[in-house]
C-alpha atoms as a PDB file:
ATOM      1  CA  MET A   1     -16.318 -12.847 -30.856  1.00  0.00           C
ATOM      2  CA  THR A   2     -18.728 -14.750 -28.531  1.00  0.00           C
ATOM      3  CA  SER A   3     -21.083 -12.911 -26.545  1.00  0.00           C
ATOM      4  CA  THR A   4     -22.554 -13.589 -23.060  1.00  0.00           C
ATOM      5  CA  ALA A   5     -26.108 -13.744 -21.822  1.00  0.00           C
ATOM      6  CA  ALA A   6     -25.959 -10.041 -21.182  1.00  0.00           C
ATOM      7  CA  GLY A   7     -24.860  -9.385 -24.642  1.00  0.00           C
ATOM      8  CA  MET A   8     -21.318  -8.403 -23.800  1.00  0.00           C
ATOM      9  CA  SER A   9     -18.176  -9.835 -24.840  1.00  0.00           C
ATOM     10  CA  PRO A  10     -16.021 -11.592 -22.329  1.00  0.00           C
ATOM     11  CA  ARG A  11     -13.184  -9.157 -22.209  1.00  0.00           C
ATOM     12  CA  PRO A  12     -15.139  -6.325 -20.690  1.00  0.00           C
ATOM     13  CA  GLN A  13     -16.578  -8.486 -18.129  1.00  0.00           C
ATOM     14  CA  ALA A  14     -13.066  -9.858 -17.202  1.00  0.00           C
ATOM     15  CA  GLN A  15     -11.892  -6.166 -16.911  1.00  0.00           C
ATOM     16  CA  ARG A  16     -14.829  -5.149 -14.747  1.00  0.00           C
ATOM     17  CA  ARG A  17     -14.134  -8.326 -12.496  1.00  0.00           C
ATOM     18  CA  ALA A  18     -10.449  -7.262 -12.323  1.00  0.00           C
ATOM     19  CA  LEU A  19     -11.280  -3.724 -11.522  1.00  0.00           C
ATOM     20  CA  ALA A  20     -13.718  -4.913  -8.767  1.00  0.00           C
ATOM     21  CA  VAL A  21     -10.939  -7.094  -7.263  1.00  0.00           C
ATOM     22  CA  LEU A  22      -8.421  -4.402  -7.532  1.00  0.00           C
ATOM     23  CA  VAL A  23     -10.849  -1.703  -5.829  1.00  0.00           C
ATOM     24  CA  SER A  24     -11.701  -4.019  -3.007  1.00  0.00           C
ATOM     25  CA  SER A  25      -8.178  -5.032  -2.216  1.00  0.00           C
ATOM     26  CA  GLN A  26      -7.296  -1.171  -2.092  1.00  0.00           C
ATOM     27  CA  VAL A  27     -10.057  -0.582   0.243  1.00  0.00           C
ATOM     28  CA  LEU A  28      -9.014  -3.431   2.495  1.00  0.00           C
ATOM     29  CA  SER A  29      -5.376  -2.535   2.562  1.00  0.00           C
ATOM     30  CA  GLY A  30      -6.145   0.979   3.271  1.00  0.00           C
ATOM     31  CA  ALA A  31      -8.300  -0.032   6.195  1.00  0.00           C
ATOM     32  CA  GLY A  32      -5.398  -2.400   7.452  1.00  0.00           C
ATOM     33  CA  LEU A  33      -2.888   0.497   7.018  1.00  0.00           C
ATOM     34  CA  ALA A  34      -5.134   2.799   9.036  1.00  0.00           C
ATOM     35  CA  ALA A  35      -5.677   0.301  11.757  1.00  0.00           C
ATOM     36  CA  GLY A  36      -1.794  -0.335  11.872  1.00  0.00           C
ATOM     37  CA  ILE A  37      -0.992   3.252  12.161  1.00  0.00           C
ATOM     38  CA  THR A  38      -3.760   3.678  14.974  1.00  0.00           C
ATOM     39  CA  ALA A  39      -2.270   0.629  16.903  1.00  0.00           C
ATOM     40  CA  GLY A  40       1.090   2.198  16.630  1.00  0.00           C
ATOM     41  CA  ALA A  41      -0.189   5.328  18.353  1.00  0.00           C
ATOM     42  CA  LEU A  42      -2.019   3.395  21.054  1.00  0.00           C
ATOM     43  CA  LEU A  43       1.091   1.173  21.634  1.00  0.00           C
ATOM     44  CA  ALA A  44       3.256   4.199  21.965  1.00  0.00           C
ATOM     45  CA  GLN A  45       0.880   5.652  24.392  1.00  0.00           C
ATOM     46  CA  ASP A  46       0.785   2.510  26.486  1.00  0.00           C
ATOM     47  CA  MET A  47       4.715   2.122  26.315  1.00  0.00           C
ATOM     48  CA  LEU A  48       5.324   5.734  27.309  1.00  0.00           C
ATOM     49  CA  GLY A  49       2.731   6.052  29.701  1.00  0.00           C
ATOM     50  CA  SER A  50       1.807   9.468  28.315  1.00  0.00           C
ATOM     51  CA  THR A  51      -0.142  10.835  25.383  1.00  0.00           C
ATOM     52  CA  ASP A  52       2.645  13.549  24.701  1.00  0.00           C
ATOM     53  CA  LEU A  53       4.308  11.334  22.077  1.00  0.00           C
ATOM     54  CA  ALA A  54       1.447   9.026  21.050  1.00  0.00           C
ATOM     55  CA  GLY A  55       1.340  10.846  17.634  1.00  0.00           C
ATOM     56  CA  LEU A  56       5.127  10.109  17.002  1.00  0.00           C
ATOM     57  CA  PRO A  57       4.530   6.717  14.961  1.00  0.00           C
ATOM     58  CA  SER A  58       2.150   8.328  12.705  1.00  0.00           C
ATOM     59  CA  ALA A  59       4.405  11.336  12.020  1.00  0.00           C
ATOM     60  CA  LEU A  60       7.272   9.137  11.413  1.00  0.00           C
ATOM     61  CA  PHE A  61       5.244   6.927   8.983  1.00  0.00           C
ATOM     62  CA  THR A  62       4.068  10.019   7.075  1.00  0.00           C
ATOM     63  CA  ALA A  63       7.642  11.420   6.856  1.00  0.00           C
ATOM     64  CA  GLY A  64       8.905   7.914   5.759  1.00  0.00           C
ATOM     65  CA  SER A  65       6.181   7.810   3.051  1.00  0.00           C
ATOM     66  CA  ALA A  66       6.963  11.072   1.870  1.00  0.00           C
ATOM     67  CA  LEU A  67      10.717  10.491   1.442  1.00  0.00           C
ATOM     68  CA  ALA A  68      10.122   7.056  -0.285  1.00  0.00           C
ATOM     69  CA  THR A  69       7.637   8.769  -2.605  1.00  0.00           C
ATOM     70  CA  VAL A  70      10.349  11.237  -3.694  1.00  0.00           C
ATOM     71  CA  VAL A  71      13.006   8.466  -3.993  1.00  0.00           C
ATOM     72  CA  VAL A  72      10.742   6.197  -6.001  1.00  0.00           C
ATOM     73  CA  GLY A  73       9.599   9.210  -8.167  1.00  0.00           C
ATOM     74  CA  ARG A  74      13.042  10.062  -9.094  1.00  0.00           C
ATOM     75  CA  ILE A  75      13.940   6.576 -10.023  1.00  0.00           C
ATOM     76  CA  SER A  76      10.846   6.385 -11.986  1.00  0.00           C
ATOM     77  CA  GLN A  77      11.697   9.420 -14.094  1.00  0.00           C
ATOM     78  CA  ALA A  78      15.333   8.297 -14.472  1.00  0.00           C
ATOM     79  CA  ARG A  79      14.858   4.539 -15.298  1.00  0.00           C
ATOM     80  CA  GLY A  80      11.177   3.906 -15.761  1.00  0.00           C
ATOM     81  CA  ARG A  81       8.301   2.568 -13.854  1.00  0.00           C
ATOM     82  CA  ARG A  82       9.355  -1.012 -13.505  1.00  0.00           C
ATOM     83  CA  PRO A  83      12.768  -0.441 -11.945  1.00  0.00           C
ATOM     84  CA  ALA A  84      11.135   1.996  -9.312  1.00  0.00           C
ATOM     85  CA  GLN A  85       8.557  -0.692  -8.425  1.00  0.00           C
ATOM     86  CA  GLN A  86      11.312  -3.324  -8.192  1.00  0.00           C
ATOM     87  CA  GLY A  87      13.490  -1.157  -5.978  1.00  0.00           C
ATOM     88  CA  SER A  88      10.638  -0.339  -3.748  1.00  0.00           C
ATOM     89  CA  TRP A  89       8.966  -3.650  -3.438  1.00  0.00           C
ATOM     90  CA  GLY A  90      12.199  -5.411  -3.052  1.00  0.00           C
ATOM     91  CA  PRO A  91      13.275  -4.299   0.469  1.00  0.00           C
ATOM     92  CA  LEU A  92       9.723  -4.914   1.688  1.00  0.00           C
ATOM     93  CA  ASN A  93       9.686  -8.628   0.462  1.00  0.00           C
ATOM     94  CA  ARG A  94      12.905  -9.204   1.947  1.00  0.00           C
ATOM     95  CA  ASP A  95      11.839  -7.994   5.345  1.00  0.00           C
ATOM     96  CA  GLY A  96       8.711  -9.757   5.242  1.00  0.00           C
ATOM     97  CA  ALA A  97      10.690 -13.019   4.318  1.00  0.00           C
ATOM     98  CA  VAL A  98      12.996 -12.403   7.444  1.00  0.00           C
ATOM     99  CA  GLU A  99      10.375 -11.650   9.767  1.00  0.00           C
ATOM    100  CA  GLY A 100       8.039 -14.427   8.715  1.00  0.00           C
END
């Protein structure tokens, strides 16, 4: 196996690079998600003219996420991880294609 200038094989470097990309993408997507939920609350406040129901979008997002987690978890236990991921990402991809 060839080694690099640092004395390490190329595979651990590639794994480290892939891990750095995955971590940074998770951080950025988490920030985008938080911004979206915050924007939803601000939009609800603006549309309703009151702060009484401004937290409703956040509550509905949390409840929907919890419900989806239970469903995907059950599919994962029954059929495996791949069908669960396909079943959960499929509708999102379809909705994105329709809206885009």
